[in-house]
Amino acid sequence: MRLVYNTELPLMLRIERIADEAEDIKTLVFMHRLNSRPGQFIMLWLPRIDEKPFAVSYQDTDKFAITVKSVGEFSEAVHRLKPGDRVGIRGPYGKGFEFELYQHVLIVAGGYGAAPLSFLANQAMLQGKRVTFILGAKKASHLPYLNRLSQAHVKLITVTEDGSTGIRGLATEVLARILHNHDRTGSLSVYACGPEAMLKAVVDICRNLHVAAQLSLERYIKCGFGICGQCCVDELGIRICKEGPVVDLETAASITELGVYKRTPSGRRIAMGDKK
């Protein structure tokens, strides 16, 4: 009898280490060779609770990490885990960032959206790219990865809305100033992940200035590999788990719901920012 291995079954992994990154933000480290690209995600399964997608926030030859912000019942359960606990992992899934053709990697991250972008910054630095990392949040205590990014020797620009550290204002305002002063010599692309209002602003800025960009989008994902259609976006109908989560600038601009509304697990439209 021939046995068929189902690659979509979760692999039970032990949590090697947990690090506090910022207020309500923790990173879980696993000793496992994942072989993912920056921008891809895994499905994290907590037995008898639920399964949710999380971007890979770090990877080297023998371990990887995900970063989780406490925002609801599932993420609160993740934050209660301890080193040594086992969880289920599926993946990696999705389309990642393409950065090999560009010499200057210009990153704009909003708070917890820095997770996939910190992985991108590490990989770009290893390939000798010039990396500028704009890290924004409402206040200083919401900024993750400060030590890691400083040690990676990227050009780090911190931005807070309340002015508690770095530049006072919005990350997109800093992005616009940098791009307006960019001399257009050498290849540059913008990479963004964060709140959807920020991503919509990135799309508008980059289109107006004719600068290439890639954005990591978030939608409700159930299967992770393109079967259920739960994460399709209007009007294109692309699946964020399969044709995303990373999309190019023109694709992002063609998503009519971007920055306007999202869908609940039942498929009902709700305005962006609505907690219901």
Protein backbone atom coordinates (compact mmCIF):
# COMPACT_ATOMS: atom_id res chain seq x y z
CA MET A 1 0.00 0.00 0.00
CA ARG A 2 1.34 3.44 -0.99
CA LEU A 3 1.15 6.09 1.73
CA VAL A 4 0.44 9.66 0.66
CA TYR A 5 1.82 12.41 2.91
CA ASN A 6 -0.45 15.42 3.31
CA THR A 7 1.92 18.41 3.29
CA GLU A 8 -0.87 20.68 4.58
CA LEU A 9 -0.97 18.97 7.97
CA PRO A 10 0.54 21.15 10.73
CA LEU A 11 4.01 20.32 11.97
CA MET A 12 4.12 20.41 15.77
CA LEU A 13 7.09 22.53 16.84
CA ARG A 14 8.47 23.45 20.22
CA ILE A 15 8.83 27.14 21.06
CA GLU A 16 12.54 27.66 21.64
CA ARG A 17 12.44 31.24 22.92
CA ILE A 18 10.04 34.16 23.38
CA ALA A 19 11.18 37.79 23.18
CA ASP A 20 9.33 40.96 24.14
CA GLU A 21 9.66 43.34 21.19
CA ALA A 22 7.44 46.27 22.24
CA GLU A 23 4.23 46.94 24.13
CA ASP A 24 1.87 43.96 23.51
CA ILE A 25 4.24 42.54 20.85
CA LYS A 26 6.15 39.26 21.27
CA THR A 27 8.34 37.15 18.99
CA LEU A 28 8.26 33.34 19.07
CA VAL A 29 11.42 31.53 17.90
CA PHE A 30 11.41 27.96 16.55
CA MET A 31 14.38 25.69 15.81
CA HIS A 32 13.36 24.56 12.35
CA ARG A 33 14.58 25.18 8.80
CA LEU A 34 11.61 26.86 7.12
CA ASN A 35 13.09 27.96 3.76
CA SER A 36 10.77 30.95 3.33
CA ARG A 37 11.16 34.23 1.47
CA PRO A 38 10.66 37.64 3.11
CA GLY A 39 6.95 38.46 2.94
CA GLN A 40 5.69 34.89 3.14
CA PHE A 41 3.58 33.67 6.07
CA ILE A 42 2.84 30.56 8.09
CA MET A 43 -0.39 29.31 9.65
CA LEU A 44 -0.10 29.01 13.43
CA TRP A 45 -2.38 26.40 15.02
CA LEU A 46 -3.23 26.33 18.72
CA PRO A 47 -4.99 23.00 19.36
CA ARG A 48 -8.60 23.37 20.52
CA ILE A 49 -8.44 27.14 19.95
CA ASP A 50 -7.93 28.27 16.32
CA GLU A 51 -5.46 28.78 13.48
CA LYS A 52 -4.25 32.17 12.19
CA PRO A 53 -1.68 33.47 9.65
CA PHE A 54 1.51 35.26 10.73
CA ALA A 55 4.33 36.69 8.64
CA VAL A 56 7.80 35.24 9.09
CA SER A 57 9.75 37.95 10.93
CA TYR A 58 13.18 36.27 11.07
CA GLN A 59 14.95 33.32 9.48
CA ASP A 60 18.42 31.87 9.31
CA THR A 61 19.77 28.42 8.41
CA ASP A 62 18.32 26.58 11.41
CA LYS A 63 15.54 28.68 12.94
CA PHE A 64 12.72 31.09 12.18
CA ALA A 65 10.47 33.43 14.10
CA ILE A 66 7.03 35.00 13.98
CA THR A 67 5.91 38.14 15.77
CA VAL A 68 2.48 38.42 17.37
CA LYS A 69 0.66 41.50 18.64
CA SER A 70 -1.99 40.95 21.30
CA VAL A 71 -5.21 42.23 19.71
CA GLY A 72 -7.84 39.53 20.42
CA GLU A 73 -8.60 36.14 21.93
CA PHE A 74 -6.27 34.13 19.70
CA SER A 75 -3.27 36.44 19.99
CA GLU A 76 -3.84 36.74 23.75
CA ALA A 77 -3.65 32.93 23.93
CA VAL A 78 -0.39 33.05 21.96
CA HIS A 79 1.00 35.58 24.44
CA ARG A 80 0.27 33.15 27.30
CA LEU A 81 2.50 30.46 25.74
CA LYS A 82 5.85 29.63 27.31
CA PRO A 83 9.15 28.31 25.91
CA GLY A 84 8.81 24.55 25.58
CA ASP A 85 5.15 24.66 24.56
CA ARG A 86 4.29 23.08 21.22
CA VAL A 87 2.17 24.60 18.48
CA GLY A 88 1.22 23.60 14.94
CA ILE A 89 2.90 25.25 11.95
CA ARG A 90 1.86 25.06 8.28
CA GLY A 91 3.68 26.78 5.46
CA PRO A 92 5.39 28.86 4.28
CA TYR A 93 2.68 30.21 2.01
CA GLY A 94 2.08 33.14 -0.29
CA LYS A 95 4.08 35.43 -2.52
CA GLY A 96 7.02 37.24 -0.97
CA PHE A 97 8.95 40.42 -1.73
CA GLU A 98 11.10 40.69 -4.85
CA PHE A 99 14.16 42.79 -4.06
CA GLU A 100 17.10 41.27 -5.92
CA LEU A 101 16.92 43.72 -8.86
CA TYR A 102 17.03 46.88 -6.72
CA GLN A 103 20.10 48.44 -5.12
CA HIS A 104 18.22 50.64 -2.65
CA VAL A 105 15.56 48.95 -0.52
CA LEU A 106 13.39 51.70 1.02
CA ILE A 107 11.15 50.25 3.73
CA VAL A 108 8.19 51.92 5.40
CA ALA A 109 6.67 50.02 8.32
CA GLY A 110 3.74 50.90 10.53
CA GLY A 111 4.11 49.40 14.03
CA TYR A 112 3.52 45.66 14.03
CA GLY A 113 3.67 45.76 10.22
CA ALA A 114 7.44 45.75 10.62
CA ALA A 115 7.36 41.95 11.07
CA PRO A 116 7.88 40.83 7.43
CA LEU A 117 9.95 43.92 6.68
CA SER A 118 12.56 43.18 9.35
CA PHE A 119 13.16 39.83 7.65
CA LEU A 120 13.41 41.64 4.30
CA ALA A 121 15.92 44.13 5.71
CA ASN A 122 18.16 41.33 7.01
CA GLN A 123 18.14 39.49 3.68
CA ALA A 124 18.73 42.67 1.68
CA MET A 125 21.72 43.60 3.85
CA LEU A 126 23.18 40.12 3.35
CA GLN A 127 23.04 40.75 -0.41
CA GLY A 128 24.84 44.08 -0.09
CA LYS A 129 21.82 46.29 -0.70
CA ARG A 130 21.43 49.80 0.66
CA VAL A 131 18.58 49.63 3.18
CA THR A 132 16.63 52.57 4.60
CA PHE A 133 14.05 51.55 7.21
CA ILE A 134 11.32 54.04 8.19
CA LEU A 135 9.68 52.64 11.33
CA GLY A 136 6.57 54.45 12.49
CA ALA A 137 4.05 54.06 15.31
CA LYS A 138 1.74 56.09 17.50
CA LYS A 139 4.29 56.25 20.32
CA ALA A 140 7.78 55.02 21.24
CA SER A 141 6.57 51.97 23.20
CA HIS A 142 4.89 50.62 20.04
CA LEU A 143 8.11 50.47 17.99
CA PRO A 144 9.43 46.90 17.61
CA TYR A 145 12.86 45.58 16.61
CA LEU A 146 14.86 48.68 17.56
CA ASN A 147 17.87 46.71 18.80
CA ARG A 148 17.79 44.21 15.94
CA LEU A 149 17.59 46.89 13.26
CA SER A 150 20.36 48.94 14.87
CA GLN A 151 22.62 45.87 14.94
CA ALA A 152 21.82 45.16 11.28
CA HIS A 153 23.38 48.54 10.35
CA VAL A 154 20.41 49.67 8.27
CA LYS A 155 19.68 53.38 8.05
CA LEU A 156 16.91 53.46 10.67
CA ILE A 157 14.49 56.40 10.84
CA THR A 158 11.98 56.27 13.70
CA VAL A 159 8.74 58.24 13.49
CA THR A 160 6.06 58.64 16.18
CA GLU A 161 2.75 60.44 15.97
CA ASP A 162 3.13 61.85 19.51
CA GLY A 163 6.80 62.80 19.07
CA SER A 164 7.93 60.60 21.97
CA THR A 165 10.96 59.48 19.94
CA GLY A 166 12.43 60.18 16.52
CA ILE A 167 10.59 62.41 14.06
CA ARG A 168 7.14 63.64 15.03
CA GLY A 169 4.53 62.82 12.37
CA LEU A 170 3.65 59.96 10.04
CA ALA A 171 5.94 57.43 8.38
CA THR A 172 4.41 58.27 5.01
CA GLU A 173 5.31 61.95 5.42
CA VAL A 174 8.94 60.93 5.86
CA LEU A 175 8.66 58.60 2.86
CA ALA A 176 7.36 61.43 0.68
CA ARG A 177 10.25 63.73 1.70
CA ILE A 178 12.85 61.06 0.96
CA LEU A 179 11.36 60.31 -2.46
CA HIS A 180 11.07 63.99 -3.38
CA ASN A 181 14.80 64.38 -2.64
CA HIS A 182 15.79 61.12 -4.32
CA ASP A 183 18.25 61.81 -7.14
CA ARG A 184 16.81 58.99 -9.32
CA THR A 185 20.26 57.50 -9.88
CA GLY A 186 20.46 53.81 -9.13
CA SER A 187 17.50 51.46 -8.72
CA LEU A 188 15.12 51.96 -5.80
CA SER A 189 11.91 50.30 -4.69
CA VAL A 190 9.62 50.97 -1.74
CA TYR A 191 8.43 48.11 0.47
CA ALA A 192 5.55 48.67 2.88
CA CYS A 193 3.45 46.91 5.50
CA GLY A 194 1.23 48.38 8.18
CA PRO A 195 -2.22 49.88 8.75
CA GLU A 196 -4.26 50.04 5.57
CA ALA A 197 -4.63 53.84 5.64
CA MET A 198 -0.83 54.00 5.59
CA LEU A 199 -0.65 51.56 2.67
CA LYS A 200 -3.18 53.58 0.69
CA ALA A 201 -1.00 56.68 1.25
CA VAL A 202 2.08 54.74 0.08
CA VAL A 203 0.26 53.77 -3.12
CA ASP A 204 -0.72 57.38 -3.81
CA ILE A 205 2.78 58.74 -3.11
CA CYS A 206 4.61 56.16 -5.21
CA ARG A 207 2.23 56.43 -8.16
CA ASN A 208 2.47 60.21 -8.17
CA LEU A 209 6.27 60.07 -8.12
CA HIS A 210 6.59 57.06 -10.48
CA VAL A 211 8.49 54.96 -7.94
CA ALA A 212 8.25 51.16 -7.84
CA ALA A 213 6.66 49.68 -4.73
CA GLN A 214 5.54 46.41 -3.20
CA LEU A 215 3.02 46.17 -0.37
CA SER A 216 2.16 43.37 2.05
CA LEU A 217 -1.61 43.24 2.58
CA GLU A 218 -3.65 41.63 5.33
CA ARG A 219 -7.02 39.93 4.92
CA TYR A 220 -8.91 37.19 6.76
CA ILE A 221 -7.20 33.92 5.73
CA LYS A 222 -8.57 30.45 6.52
CA CYS A 223 -6.84 27.80 4.39
CA GLY A 224 -3.60 29.59 3.49
CA PHE A 225 -3.14 27.98 0.09
CA GLY A 226 -5.85 29.31 -2.21
CA ILE A 227 -8.70 26.83 -1.88
CA CYS A 228 -11.42 28.52 0.17
CA GLY A 229 -11.48 31.99 -1.43
CA GLN A 230 -12.02 33.71 1.92
CA CYS A 231 -9.24 36.25 1.29
CA CYS A 232 -10.26 37.37 -2.23
CA VAL A 233 -10.29 41.14 -2.73
CA ASP A 234 -12.50 43.39 -4.88
CA GLU A 235 -12.53 43.99 -7.82
CA LEU A 236 -9.61 41.83 -8.93
CA GLY A 237 -10.67 38.70 -7.10
CA ILE A 238 -7.07 37.75 -6.35
CA ARG A 239 -6.41 35.58 -3.30
CA ILE A 240 -4.21 37.33 -0.74
CA CYS A 241 -2.92 33.95 0.49
CA LYS A 242 -1.83 32.91 -3.01
CA GLU A 243 -1.30 35.91 -5.33
CA GLY A 244 -0.32 37.90 -2.20
CA PRO A 245 0.18 38.84 0.53
CA VAL A 246 2.81 40.89 -1.32
CA VAL A 247 1.49 42.73 -4.38
CA ASP A 248 3.08 45.27 -6.69
CA LEU A 249 2.05 48.92 -6.91
CA GLU A 250 -0.36 48.68 -9.83
CA THR A 251 -2.08 45.63 -8.37
CA ALA A 252 -2.55 47.43 -5.07
CA ALA A 253 -3.95 50.48 -6.86
CA SER A 254 -6.49 48.24 -8.62
CA ILE A 255 -7.90 46.82 -5.37
CA THR A 256 -11.01 48.96 -4.90
CA GLU A 257 -11.49 47.95 -1.26
CA LEU A 258 -7.97 49.04 -0.23
CA GLY A 259 -8.28 51.46 2.65
CA VAL A 260 -12.08 51.47 2.34
CA TYR A 261 -13.48 48.22 3.75
CA LYS A 262 -12.63 44.66 4.69
CA ARG A 263 -14.64 41.49 5.25
CA THR A 264 -15.52 39.58 8.40
CA PRO A 265 -15.10 35.77 8.60
CA SER A 266 -18.70 35.51 7.34
CA GLY A 267 -17.87 37.68 4.29
CA ARG A 268 -19.77 40.77 5.45
CA ARG A 269 -18.26 44.11 4.45
CA ILE A 270 -17.27 46.47 7.26
CA ALA A 271 -15.63 49.87 6.97
CA MET A 272 -11.87 49.92 7.53
CA GLY A 273 -11.19 50.73 11.17
CA ASP A 274 -14.50 49.30 12.39
CA LYS A 275 -13.85 46.87 15.25
CA LYS A 276 -17.11 44.93 14.72
